[in-house]
Amino acid sequence: MTSYEKSKHFYVDLLGFKVIRENYRKERDDYKIDLACGTQEIELFIIKNAPAHVNYPEALGLRHLVFKVKSVDDTVKELNGKGIETEPVRLDDYTGKKMTFFHDPDGLPLEIHE
C-alpha cells in the first residue's frame, strides 16, 4: 500500500472493514492498520514509495485475497455503486459458483466468490 488516505478510505469507508488499531511507525515512516472483516483480521502496511509487484499477479507470494459473499451479483452492484470497477462475473471452473475480481487502490487483485 502506498497511500494512507486512499487505502483507509477504500478498505474502511467503501468495503466496510472495521479498524481495530492503527499505528504510525516513526522508525519506518509507515503505517500499520489492523482491520476486522467479519471474524477475520487483515493487516495493511502502508509504505510511501513501496516497490510495485514484480508482475501481475504471478509474482512469488500472495496472489490475491478472496472474500466469500452470499451473492456476487448483489456485491457487484454495491461495489459498482461506490465507484469500484469489477471484472465480468464468471463461474469458477471447479466449484461452479459465481466469482469476480476487483482491485484496491494499489492494484492488488481482490476476489468475491459465492
C-alpha atoms as a PDB file:
ATOM      1  CA  MET A   1       0.000   0.000   0.000  1.00  0.00           C
ATOM      2  CA  THR A   2       1.357   3.402  -0.842  1.00  0.00           C
ATOM      3  CA  SER A   3      -1.299   5.923   0.228  1.00  0.00           C
ATOM      4  CA  TYR A   4      -2.640   6.015   3.777  1.00  0.00           C
ATOM      5  CA  GLU A   5      -5.690   8.087   2.816  1.00  0.00           C
ATOM      6  CA  LYS A   6      -6.633   6.085  -0.291  1.00  0.00           C
ATOM      7  CA  SER A   7      -6.079   2.699   1.358  1.00  0.00           C
ATOM      8  CA  LYS A   8      -8.020   3.541   4.517  1.00  0.00           C
ATOM      9  CA  HIS A   9     -10.877   5.084   2.505  1.00  0.00           C
ATOM     10  CA  PHE A  10     -11.071   2.025   0.242  1.00  0.00           C
ATOM     11  CA  TYR A  11     -10.975  -0.678   2.920  1.00  0.00           C
ATOM     12  CA  VAL A  12     -12.884   1.129   5.697  1.00  0.00           C
ATOM     13  CA  ASP A  13     -15.264   3.579   4.021  1.00  0.00           C
ATOM     14  CA  LEU A  14     -16.024   1.657   0.813  1.00  0.00           C
ATOM     15  CA  LEU A  15     -15.611  -2.014   1.789  1.00  0.00           C
ATOM     16  CA  GLY A  16     -16.830  -1.549   5.368  1.00  0.00           C
ATOM     17  CA  PHE A  17     -13.967  -3.150   7.293  1.00  0.00           C
ATOM     18  CA  LYS A  18     -13.671  -2.051  10.932  1.00  0.00           C
ATOM     19  CA  VAL A  19     -10.479  -0.502  12.272  1.00  0.00           C
ATOM     20  CA  ILE A  20      -9.129  -2.499  15.206  1.00  0.00           C
ATOM     21  CA  ARG A  21      -5.998  -0.382  15.605  1.00  0.00           C
ATOM     22  CA  GLU A  22      -3.784   1.827  13.537  1.00  0.00           C
ATOM     23  CA  ASN A  23      -0.240   2.850  14.281  1.00  0.00           C
ATOM     24  CA  TYR A  24       2.298   5.151  12.726  1.00  0.00           C
ATOM     25  CA  ARG A  25       5.749   3.579  12.939  1.00  0.00           C
ATOM     26  CA  LYS A  26       8.140   6.528  13.089  1.00  0.00           C
ATOM     27  CA  GLU A  27      11.287   4.412  12.695  1.00  0.00           C
ATOM     28  CA  ARG A  28       9.983   3.118   9.341  1.00  0.00           C
ATOM     29  CA  ASP A  29       7.893   6.161   8.360  1.00  0.00           C
ATOM     30  CA  ASP A  30       4.940   3.914   7.581  1.00  0.00           C
ATOM     31  CA  TYR A  31       1.522   2.940   8.935  1.00  0.00           C
ATOM     32  CA  LYS A  32       0.143  -0.405  10.052  1.00  0.00           C
ATOM     33  CA  ILE A  33      -3.634  -0.681  10.186  1.00  0.00           C
ATOM     34  CA  ASP A  34      -5.345  -3.815  11.543  1.00  0.00           C
ATOM     35  CA  LEU A  35      -8.839  -4.335  10.161  1.00  0.00           C
ATOM     36  CA  ALA A  36     -11.687  -6.696  11.017  1.00  0.00           C
ATOM     37  CA  CYS A  37     -13.511  -8.442   8.208  1.00  0.00           C
ATOM     38  CA  GLY A  38     -16.147 -10.498   9.970  1.00  0.00           C
ATOM     39  CA  THR A  39     -14.237 -12.738  12.350  1.00  0.00           C
ATOM     40  CA  GLN A  40     -11.035 -12.442  10.315  1.00  0.00           C
ATOM     41  CA  GLU A  41      -8.359  -9.781  10.536  1.00  0.00           C
ATOM     42  CA  ILE A  42      -6.155  -8.316   7.840  1.00  0.00           C
ATOM     43  CA  GLU A  43      -3.160  -6.034   8.239  1.00  0.00           C
ATOM     44  CA  LEU A  44      -2.393  -3.173   5.895  1.00  0.00           C
ATOM     45  CA  PHE A  45       1.158  -1.907   5.754  1.00  0.00           C
ATOM     46  CA  ILE A  46       1.191   1.494   4.099  1.00  0.00           C
ATOM     47  CA  ILE A  47       4.654   2.408   2.890  1.00  0.00           C
ATOM     48  CA  LYS A  48       5.228   5.565   0.812  1.00  0.00           C
ATOM     49  CA  ASN A  49       7.469   4.528  -2.148  1.00  0.00           C
ATOM     50  CA  ALA A  50       6.990   0.775  -1.829  1.00  0.00           C
ATOM     51  CA  PRO A  51       8.115  -1.127  -4.941  1.00  0.00           C
ATOM     52  CA  ALA A  52       5.435  -2.429  -7.290  1.00  0.00           C
ATOM     53  CA  HIS A  53       4.724  -6.148  -7.689  1.00  0.00           C
ATOM     54  CA  VAL A  54       7.232  -7.830  -9.987  1.00  0.00           C
ATOM     55  CA  ASN A  55       4.483  -8.866 -12.387  1.00  0.00           C
ATOM     56  CA  TYR A  56       0.738  -9.094 -12.177  1.00  0.00           C
ATOM     57  CA  PRO A  57      -0.307 -11.248 -10.347  1.00  0.00           C
ATOM     58  CA  GLU A  58       2.127 -14.106 -10.795  1.00  0.00           C
ATOM     59  CA  ALA A  59       4.937 -12.866  -8.526  1.00  0.00           C
ATOM     60  CA  LEU A  60       6.081 -15.080  -5.666  1.00  0.00           C
ATOM     61  CA  GLY A  61       3.871 -14.687  -2.606  1.00  0.00           C
ATOM     62  CA  LEU A  62       0.238 -13.803  -2.109  1.00  0.00           C
ATOM     63  CA  ARG A  63      -1.627 -13.662  -5.412  1.00  0.00           C
ATOM     64  CA  HIS A  64      -4.878 -12.177  -4.150  1.00  0.00           C
ATOM     65  CA  LEU A  65      -7.418 -12.190  -1.328  1.00  0.00           C
ATOM     66  CA  VAL A  66     -10.799 -13.884  -1.694  1.00  0.00           C
ATOM     67  CA  PHE A  67     -13.910 -12.842   0.214  1.00  0.00           C
ATOM     68  CA  LYS A  68     -16.864 -15.207   0.433  1.00  0.00           C
ATOM     69  CA  VAL A  69     -20.179 -13.426  -0.169  1.00  0.00           C
ATOM     70  CA  LYS A  70     -23.786 -14.576  -0.247  1.00  0.00           C
ATOM     71  CA  SER A  71     -24.445 -13.023  -3.655  1.00  0.00           C
ATOM     72  CA  VAL A  72     -21.775 -11.994  -6.145  1.00  0.00           C
ATOM     73  CA  ASP A  73     -24.402 -10.129  -8.197  1.00  0.00           C
ATOM     74  CA  ASP A  74     -25.574  -8.068  -5.207  1.00  0.00           C
ATOM     75  CA  THR A  75     -21.991  -7.402  -4.092  1.00  0.00           C
ATOM     76  CA  VAL A  76     -21.003  -6.297  -7.610  1.00  0.00           C
ATOM     77  CA  LYS A  77     -23.918  -3.823  -7.641  1.00  0.00           C
ATOM     78  CA  GLU A  78     -22.837  -2.496  -4.250  1.00  0.00           C
ATOM     79  CA  LEU A  79     -19.178  -2.146  -5.301  1.00  0.00           C
ATOM     80  CA  ASN A  80     -20.088  -0.515  -8.625  1.00  0.00           C
ATOM     81  CA  GLY A  81     -22.412   1.875  -6.789  1.00  0.00           C
ATOM     82  CA  LYS A  82     -19.399   3.009  -4.757  1.00  0.00           C
ATOM     83  CA  GLY A  83     -17.343   3.604  -7.906  1.00  0.00           C
ATOM     84  CA  ILE A  84     -15.352   0.365  -7.676  1.00  0.00           C
ATOM     85  CA  GLU A  85     -14.975  -1.318 -11.061  1.00  0.00           C
ATOM     86  CA  THR A  86     -15.341  -5.082 -11.244  1.00  0.00           C
ATOM     87  CA  GLU A  87     -14.456  -7.612 -13.907  1.00  0.00           C
ATOM     88  CA  PRO A  88     -17.285  -9.535 -15.589  1.00  0.00           C
ATOM     89  CA  VAL A  89     -18.854 -12.186 -13.349  1.00  0.00           C
ATOM     90  CA  ARG A  90     -17.920 -15.711 -14.324  1.00  0.00           C
ATOM     91  CA  LEU A  91     -18.305 -19.238 -12.966  1.00  0.00           C
ATOM     92  CA  ASP A  92     -15.459 -20.908 -11.100  1.00  0.00           C
ATOM     93  CA  ASP A  93     -14.306 -23.921 -13.128  1.00  0.00           C
ATOM     94  CA  TYR A  94     -14.031 -26.076 -10.008  1.00  0.00           C
ATOM     95  CA  THR A  95     -16.936 -25.033  -7.786  1.00  0.00           C
ATOM     96  CA  GLY A  96     -19.409 -23.879 -10.435  1.00  0.00           C
ATOM     97  CA  LYS A  97     -20.130 -20.808  -8.272  1.00  0.00           C
ATOM     98  CA  LYS A  98     -20.091 -17.165  -9.323  1.00  0.00           C
ATOM     99  CA  MET A  99     -16.949 -15.109  -8.837  1.00  0.00           C
ATOM    100  CA  THR A 100     -15.264 -11.922  -9.994  1.00  0.00           C
ATOM    101  CA  PHE A 101     -12.309  -9.654  -9.285  1.00  0.00           C
ATOM    102  CA  PHE A 102     -11.783  -6.006  -8.419  1.00  0.00           C
ATOM    103  CA  HIS A 103      -8.702  -4.072  -7.309  1.00  0.00           C
ATOM    104  CA  ASP A 104      -7.636  -1.940  -4.376  1.00  0.00           C
ATOM    105  CA  PRO A 105      -6.015   1.488  -4.910  1.00  0.00           C
ATOM    106  CA  ASP A 106      -2.580  -0.124  -5.379  1.00  0.00           C
ATOM    107  CA  GLY A 107      -3.832  -2.655  -7.915  1.00  0.00           C
ATOM    108  CA  LEU A 108      -3.944  -5.644  -5.545  1.00  0.00           C
ATOM    109  CA  PRO A 109      -6.467  -8.094  -7.012  1.00  0.00           C
ATOM    110  CA  LEU A 110      -9.368  -8.915  -4.699  1.00  0.00           C
ATOM    111  CA  GLU A 111     -11.936 -11.619  -5.436  1.00  0.00           C
ATOM    112  CA  ILE A 112     -15.512 -12.121  -4.340  1.00  0.00           C
ATOM    113  CA  HIS A 113     -16.828 -15.670  -4.527  1.00  0.00           C
ATOM    114  CA  GLU A 114     -20.116 -17.309  -3.590  1.00  0.00           C
END
